[in-house]
Amino acid sequence: MLLRLFNSFFHYIIIFLFISCSNLFSKPKAAGRNSAFYNQYKLTNNKDYIEHLAFLHRSIIKPLEKSLVKLTPKGNVYLNGLINRLQINNELLLNKLDKIEIFLIKNKTPFVFSLPGGKIYISTTLINKYVRYESLLASILSLEMIKSERNYYRKWITIPIGILSVDQAISINRLSIEEKIELDKWAFYVLKRSGFDPYSILSWVQVLNKNALELSTYLGELKKISREETLLKSFIVNIGINRKIEDKQTNSSKEFYHFIDEIKEIDA
């Protein structure tokens, strides 16, 4: 009799321990909005991440303050007019950003990058060495405008310490080959709707590929740019367009050449 009671008691103890342990390994129940768990923990969403990147503008500009270029009123009018032309003719795509700010930086390294919120950074060396006609400049700006509008950025969280180097900022802008091609396609149509030569986007990719070694700091993995050119050419052929792409300096406005001359004087 005692043995039977002992066995029953031991059996219940085993069941109790099993149930208790199973609770430790079971999936937690969804936390309600008023629970302590919900109040202590909040998932970082995509909006939080984009705001984090936009905040980095202060960390980028601080060490570059002495290198920032101030254009003449004529130069500012031209650059803002170019931005407005791209926006006005692409209202369905470029409609979230109220203001685009371009920061020209006197720097020996050729680069262009952007941040969410319409902040675009271009070095004077990039313009002087590689921008030969107006549609090419429009291509560069359209790529960064679309990137900033549609938040094409790497998920790379930084801890703000007051200073962010140009190399670090550029690395945030490096995309996968799939994202780069998607961005190029958007830019193709943006240029076309704005009255610029849409093939200039391919010309720009070709310029990058031709000068890949010199632009290695900006490009990162050099093999990507060759792949990008191949895929972009395929896209143009597939949409029924097949013509020779040349860097022609035709159809550039007088204001464009005044702008280029101004940058050359600053960079001298």
Protein backbone atom coordinates (compact mmCIF):
# COMPACT_ATOMS: atom_id res chain seq x y z
CA MET A 1 0.00 0.00 0.00
CA LEU A 2 2.75 2.41 0.98
CA LEU A 3 4.71 1.45 -2.08
CA ARG A 4 1.70 2.21 -4.30
CA LEU A 5 1.22 5.66 -2.67
CA PHE A 6 4.90 6.41 -3.11
CA ASN A 7 4.77 5.47 -6.78
CA SER A 8 1.70 7.69 -7.34
CA PHE A 9 3.34 10.62 -5.55
CA PHE A 10 6.54 10.20 -7.58
CA HIS A 11 4.46 10.02 -10.78
CA TYR A 12 2.76 13.37 -10.01
CA ILE A 13 6.10 14.97 -9.18
CA ILE A 14 7.47 13.93 -12.60
CA ILE A 15 4.39 15.36 -14.40
CA PHE A 16 4.66 18.64 -12.45
CA LEU A 17 8.33 19.06 -13.30
CA PHE A 18 7.70 18.26 -16.98
CA ILE A 19 4.93 20.84 -17.26
CA SER A 20 7.04 23.48 -15.45
CA CYS A 21 10.05 22.90 -17.69
CA SER A 22 7.97 22.90 -20.84
CA ASN A 23 6.83 26.44 -19.98
CA LEU A 24 10.45 27.55 -19.94
CA PHE A 25 11.00 26.43 -23.54
CA SER A 26 7.63 27.31 -25.02
CA LYS A 27 7.18 30.37 -27.27
CA PRO A 28 6.31 33.54 -25.34
CA LYS A 29 2.82 34.85 -25.70
CA ALA A 30 2.32 38.06 -27.62
CA ALA A 31 2.79 41.01 -25.31
CA GLY A 32 -0.09 43.41 -24.97
CA ARG A 33 0.40 47.16 -25.33
CA ASN A 34 -0.02 47.65 -21.58
CA SER A 35 2.38 44.89 -20.57
CA ALA A 36 5.74 45.55 -18.95
CA PHE A 37 7.45 43.81 -21.89
CA TYR A 38 5.92 46.20 -24.44
CA ASN A 39 6.85 49.26 -22.39
CA GLN A 40 10.48 48.16 -22.05
CA TYR A 41 11.09 46.98 -25.62
CA LYS A 42 10.29 48.59 -28.97
CA LEU A 43 11.33 47.12 -32.31
CA THR A 44 13.37 49.47 -34.48
CA ASN A 45 11.46 49.83 -37.74
CA ASN A 46 12.56 51.07 -41.16
CA LYS A 47 11.51 54.65 -40.41
CA ASP A 48 13.75 54.71 -37.33
CA TYR A 49 16.66 53.49 -39.42
CA ILE A 50 16.16 56.13 -42.11
CA GLU A 51 15.93 58.86 -39.48
CA HIS A 52 19.16 57.54 -37.99
CA LEU A 53 20.92 57.90 -41.36
CA ALA A 54 19.48 61.37 -41.96
CA PHE A 55 20.84 62.47 -38.58
CA LEU A 56 24.36 61.57 -39.74
CA HIS A 57 24.41 64.73 -41.89
CA ARG A 58 25.72 66.72 -38.94
CA SER A 59 28.55 64.24 -38.38
CA ILE A 60 29.53 64.43 -42.06
CA ILE A 61 29.41 68.20 -42.46
CA LYS A 62 31.27 69.06 -39.26
CA PRO A 63 34.75 67.94 -40.44
CA LEU A 64 34.07 69.31 -43.95
CA GLU A 65 33.03 72.84 -43.01
CA LYS A 66 36.27 74.39 -44.28
CA SER A 67 36.01 72.45 -47.54
CA LEU A 68 32.43 73.43 -48.41
CA VAL A 69 32.17 75.44 -51.63
CA LYS A 70 29.96 78.51 -51.87
CA LEU A 71 28.72 79.10 -55.39
CA THR A 72 27.97 82.49 -56.86
CA PRO A 73 24.26 83.45 -57.09
CA LYS A 74 24.38 82.51 -60.79
CA GLY A 75 25.83 79.09 -59.98
CA ASN A 76 23.20 78.48 -57.29
CA VAL A 77 20.38 79.45 -59.64
CA TYR A 78 21.63 77.03 -62.27
CA LEU A 79 22.05 74.08 -59.88
CA ASN A 80 18.68 74.64 -58.20
CA GLY A 81 17.05 75.00 -61.60
CA LEU A 82 18.47 71.65 -62.67
CA ILE A 83 17.09 69.99 -59.55
CA ASN A 84 13.68 71.62 -60.05
CA ARG A 85 13.56 70.44 -63.65
CA LEU A 86 14.12 66.84 -62.57
CA GLN A 87 11.51 67.07 -59.81
CA ILE A 88 8.78 68.89 -61.74
CA ASN A 89 8.89 66.43 -64.62
CA ASN A 90 8.81 63.42 -62.28
CA GLU A 91 6.25 64.40 -59.66
CA LEU A 92 4.92 60.85 -59.27
CA LEU A 93 8.36 59.51 -58.40
CA LEU A 94 10.08 62.47 -56.75
CA ASN A 95 7.30 63.84 -54.59
CA LYS A 96 8.34 63.15 -50.99
CA LEU A 97 11.30 65.49 -50.65
CA ASP A 98 10.37 69.12 -50.11
CA LYS A 99 13.92 70.34 -50.55
CA ILE A 100 17.07 68.99 -52.16
CA GLU A 101 20.33 70.35 -50.73
CA ILE A 102 23.56 69.93 -52.65
CA PHE A 103 26.85 70.27 -50.78
CA LEU A 104 29.84 70.88 -53.04
CA ILE A 105 33.06 69.84 -51.33
CA LYS A 106 36.55 70.84 -52.41
CA ASN A 107 38.27 67.49 -52.20
CA LYS A 108 40.90 65.69 -54.28
CA THR A 109 38.94 62.44 -54.06
CA PRO A 110 36.21 62.07 -56.71
CA PHE A 111 32.95 61.06 -55.06
CA VAL A 112 29.21 61.63 -54.89
CA PHE A 113 26.86 60.26 -52.24
CA SER A 114 23.66 61.17 -50.45
CA LEU A 115 21.64 60.71 -47.28
CA PRO A 116 17.89 60.44 -46.68
CA GLY A 117 16.10 63.76 -46.57
CA GLY A 118 17.50 65.14 -49.83
CA LYS A 119 21.14 65.71 -48.85
CA ILE A 120 23.57 65.25 -51.76
CA TYR A 121 27.36 65.59 -51.47
CA ILE A 122 29.62 66.02 -54.53
CA SER A 123 33.34 66.65 -54.69
CA THR A 124 34.68 69.33 -57.04
CA THR A 125 37.18 66.81 -58.42
CA LEU A 126 34.39 64.52 -59.60
CA ILE A 127 32.80 67.38 -61.56
CA ASN A 128 36.07 68.70 -62.99
CA LYS A 129 37.42 65.34 -64.15
CA TYR A 130 34.35 63.42 -65.25
CA VAL A 131 31.38 65.71 -66.01
CA ARG A 132 31.71 66.67 -69.66
CA TYR A 133 28.14 67.63 -70.57
CA GLU A 134 24.88 68.59 -68.91
CA SER A 135 22.98 65.30 -69.22
CA LEU A 136 25.84 63.58 -67.42
CA LEU A 137 25.46 65.96 -64.49
CA ALA A 138 21.70 65.38 -64.57
CA SER A 139 22.36 61.61 -64.47
CA ILE A 140 24.51 61.91 -61.36
CA LEU A 141 21.97 64.10 -59.58
CA SER A 142 18.99 61.96 -60.59
CA LEU A 143 20.62 58.82 -59.18
CA GLU A 144 21.20 60.46 -55.80
CA MET A 145 17.75 62.09 -55.76
CA ILE A 146 16.03 58.76 -56.39
CA LYS A 147 18.24 57.07 -53.80
CA SER A 148 17.32 59.69 -51.20
CA GLU A 149 13.64 59.66 -52.20
CA ARG A 150 13.23 55.89 -52.10
CA ASN A 151 15.77 55.25 -49.33
CA TYR A 152 18.23 53.04 -51.22
CA TYR A 153 20.81 52.67 -48.43
CA ARG A 154 22.64 49.87 -46.71
CA LYS A 155 21.39 48.86 -43.29
CA TRP A 156 24.44 50.05 -41.45
CA ILE A 157 23.85 51.41 -37.97
CA THR A 158 26.48 53.78 -36.55
CA ILE A 159 26.90 55.26 -33.11
CA PRO A 160 27.14 59.05 -33.60
CA ILE A 161 30.38 60.41 -32.12
CA GLY A 162 30.26 63.81 -33.81
CA ILE A 163 32.40 62.98 -36.86
CA LEU A 164 31.80 60.67 -39.81
CA SER A 165 34.47 60.33 -42.49
CA VAL A 166 33.75 60.60 -46.21
CA ASP A 167 34.83 56.96 -46.65
CA GLN A 168 32.28 55.82 -44.07
CA ALA A 169 29.54 57.90 -45.67
CA ILE A 170 30.37 56.47 -49.10
CA SER A 171 30.20 52.91 -47.74
CA ILE A 172 26.59 53.50 -46.63
CA ASN A 173 25.75 54.33 -50.26
CA ARG A 174 27.19 51.12 -51.72
CA LEU A 175 24.39 48.90 -52.99
CA SER A 176 23.99 45.38 -54.27
CA ILE A 177 24.15 44.90 -58.04
CA GLU A 178 20.38 44.28 -58.13
CA GLU A 179 19.67 47.54 -56.33
CA LYS A 180 22.10 49.46 -58.55
CA ILE A 181 20.41 48.24 -61.74
CA GLU A 182 16.97 49.10 -60.37
CA LEU A 183 18.26 52.58 -59.52
CA ASP A 184 19.75 52.98 -63.02
CA LYS A 185 16.44 52.06 -64.63
CA TRP A 186 14.58 54.64 -62.57
CA ALA A 187 17.17 57.27 -63.52
CA PHE A 188 16.81 56.38 -67.21
CA TYR A 189 13.12 57.27 -67.14
CA VAL A 190 13.63 60.34 -64.94
CA LEU A 191 16.09 61.75 -67.48
CA LYS A 192 13.80 60.93 -70.38
CA ARG A 193 10.81 62.66 -68.81
CA SER A 194 12.95 65.70 -67.97
CA GLY A 195 14.16 66.23 -71.54
CA PHE A 196 17.72 65.02 -70.92
CA ASP A 197 19.46 62.28 -72.88
CA PRO A 198 18.43 59.10 -71.00
CA TYR A 199 21.40 57.19 -72.44
CA SER A 200 23.63 59.40 -70.33
CA ILE A 201 22.99 57.09 -67.41
CA LEU A 202 24.83 54.37 -69.31
CA SER A 203 27.54 56.88 -70.27
CA TRP A 204 28.02 57.62 -66.58
CA VAL A 205 28.34 53.93 -65.70
CA GLN A 206 30.86 53.58 -68.53
CA VAL A 207 32.86 56.52 -67.17
CA LEU A 208 32.96 54.81 -63.77
CA ASN A 209 34.00 51.50 -65.30
CA LYS A 210 36.71 53.09 -67.46
CA ASN A 211 38.19 54.90 -64.46
CA ALA A 212 37.48 52.21 -61.87
CA LEU A 213 40.97 52.16 -60.36
CA GLU A 214 41.02 55.90 -59.75
CA LEU A 215 37.47 55.74 -58.39
CA SER A 216 38.08 52.67 -56.23
CA THR A 217 37.41 54.59 -52.99
CA TYR A 218 34.01 55.57 -54.33
CA LEU A 219 33.10 52.31 -56.06
CA GLY A 220 34.25 49.72 -53.53
CA GLU A 221 34.17 46.32 -55.27
CA LEU A 222 35.43 47.06 -58.79
CA LYS A 223 33.92 43.94 -60.37
CA LYS A 224 30.43 45.28 -59.64
CA ILE A 225 30.75 48.21 -62.03
CA SER A 226 31.57 45.93 -64.99
CA ARG A 227 28.56 43.79 -64.17
CA GLU A 228 26.41 46.89 -63.82
CA GLU A 229 27.40 48.14 -67.29
CA THR A 230 26.61 44.76 -68.86
CA LEU A 231 23.18 44.53 -67.23
CA LEU A 232 22.31 48.14 -68.04
CA LYS A 233 23.19 47.63 -71.72
CA SER A 234 20.98 44.54 -71.72
CA PHE A 235 18.10 46.55 -70.26
CA ILE A 236 18.40 49.20 -73.00
CA VAL A 237 18.48 46.56 -75.73
CA ASN A 238 15.50 44.71 -74.24
CA ILE A 239 13.30 47.79 -74.30
CA GLY A 240 13.91 48.06 -78.02
CA ILE A 241 16.65 50.65 -78.12
CA ASN A 242 19.99 49.93 -79.71
CA ARG A 243 22.26 52.79 -80.63
CA LYS A 244 25.85 53.73 -79.98
CA ILE A 245 26.31 55.60 -76.73
CA GLU A 246 28.78 58.45 -76.97
CA ASP A 247 29.82 61.18 -74.56
CA LYS A 248 28.66 64.07 -76.72
CA GLN A 249 28.85 67.59 -75.36
CA THR A 250 25.84 68.66 -77.41
CA ASN A 251 22.65 70.21 -76.06
CA SER A 252 24.36 71.54 -72.93
CA SER A 253 23.20 75.00 -71.85
CA LYS A 254 25.42 78.06 -71.53
CA GLU A 255 24.60 78.08 -67.82
CA PHE A 256 26.07 74.60 -67.52
CA TYR A 257 29.43 75.74 -68.94
CA HIS A 258 29.42 78.79 -66.65
CA PHE A 259 28.86 76.40 -63.74
CA ILE A 260 31.74 74.15 -64.83
CA ASP A 261 34.06 77.15 -65.22
CA GLU A 262 33.12 78.28 -61.73
CA ILE A 263 33.97 74.87 -60.27
CA LYS A 264 37.30 74.85 -62.14
CA GLU A 265 38.24 78.22 -60.66
CA ILE A 266 37.37 77.01 -57.17
CA ASP A 267 39.35 73.80 -57.64
CA ALA A 268 42.43 75.54 -59.08
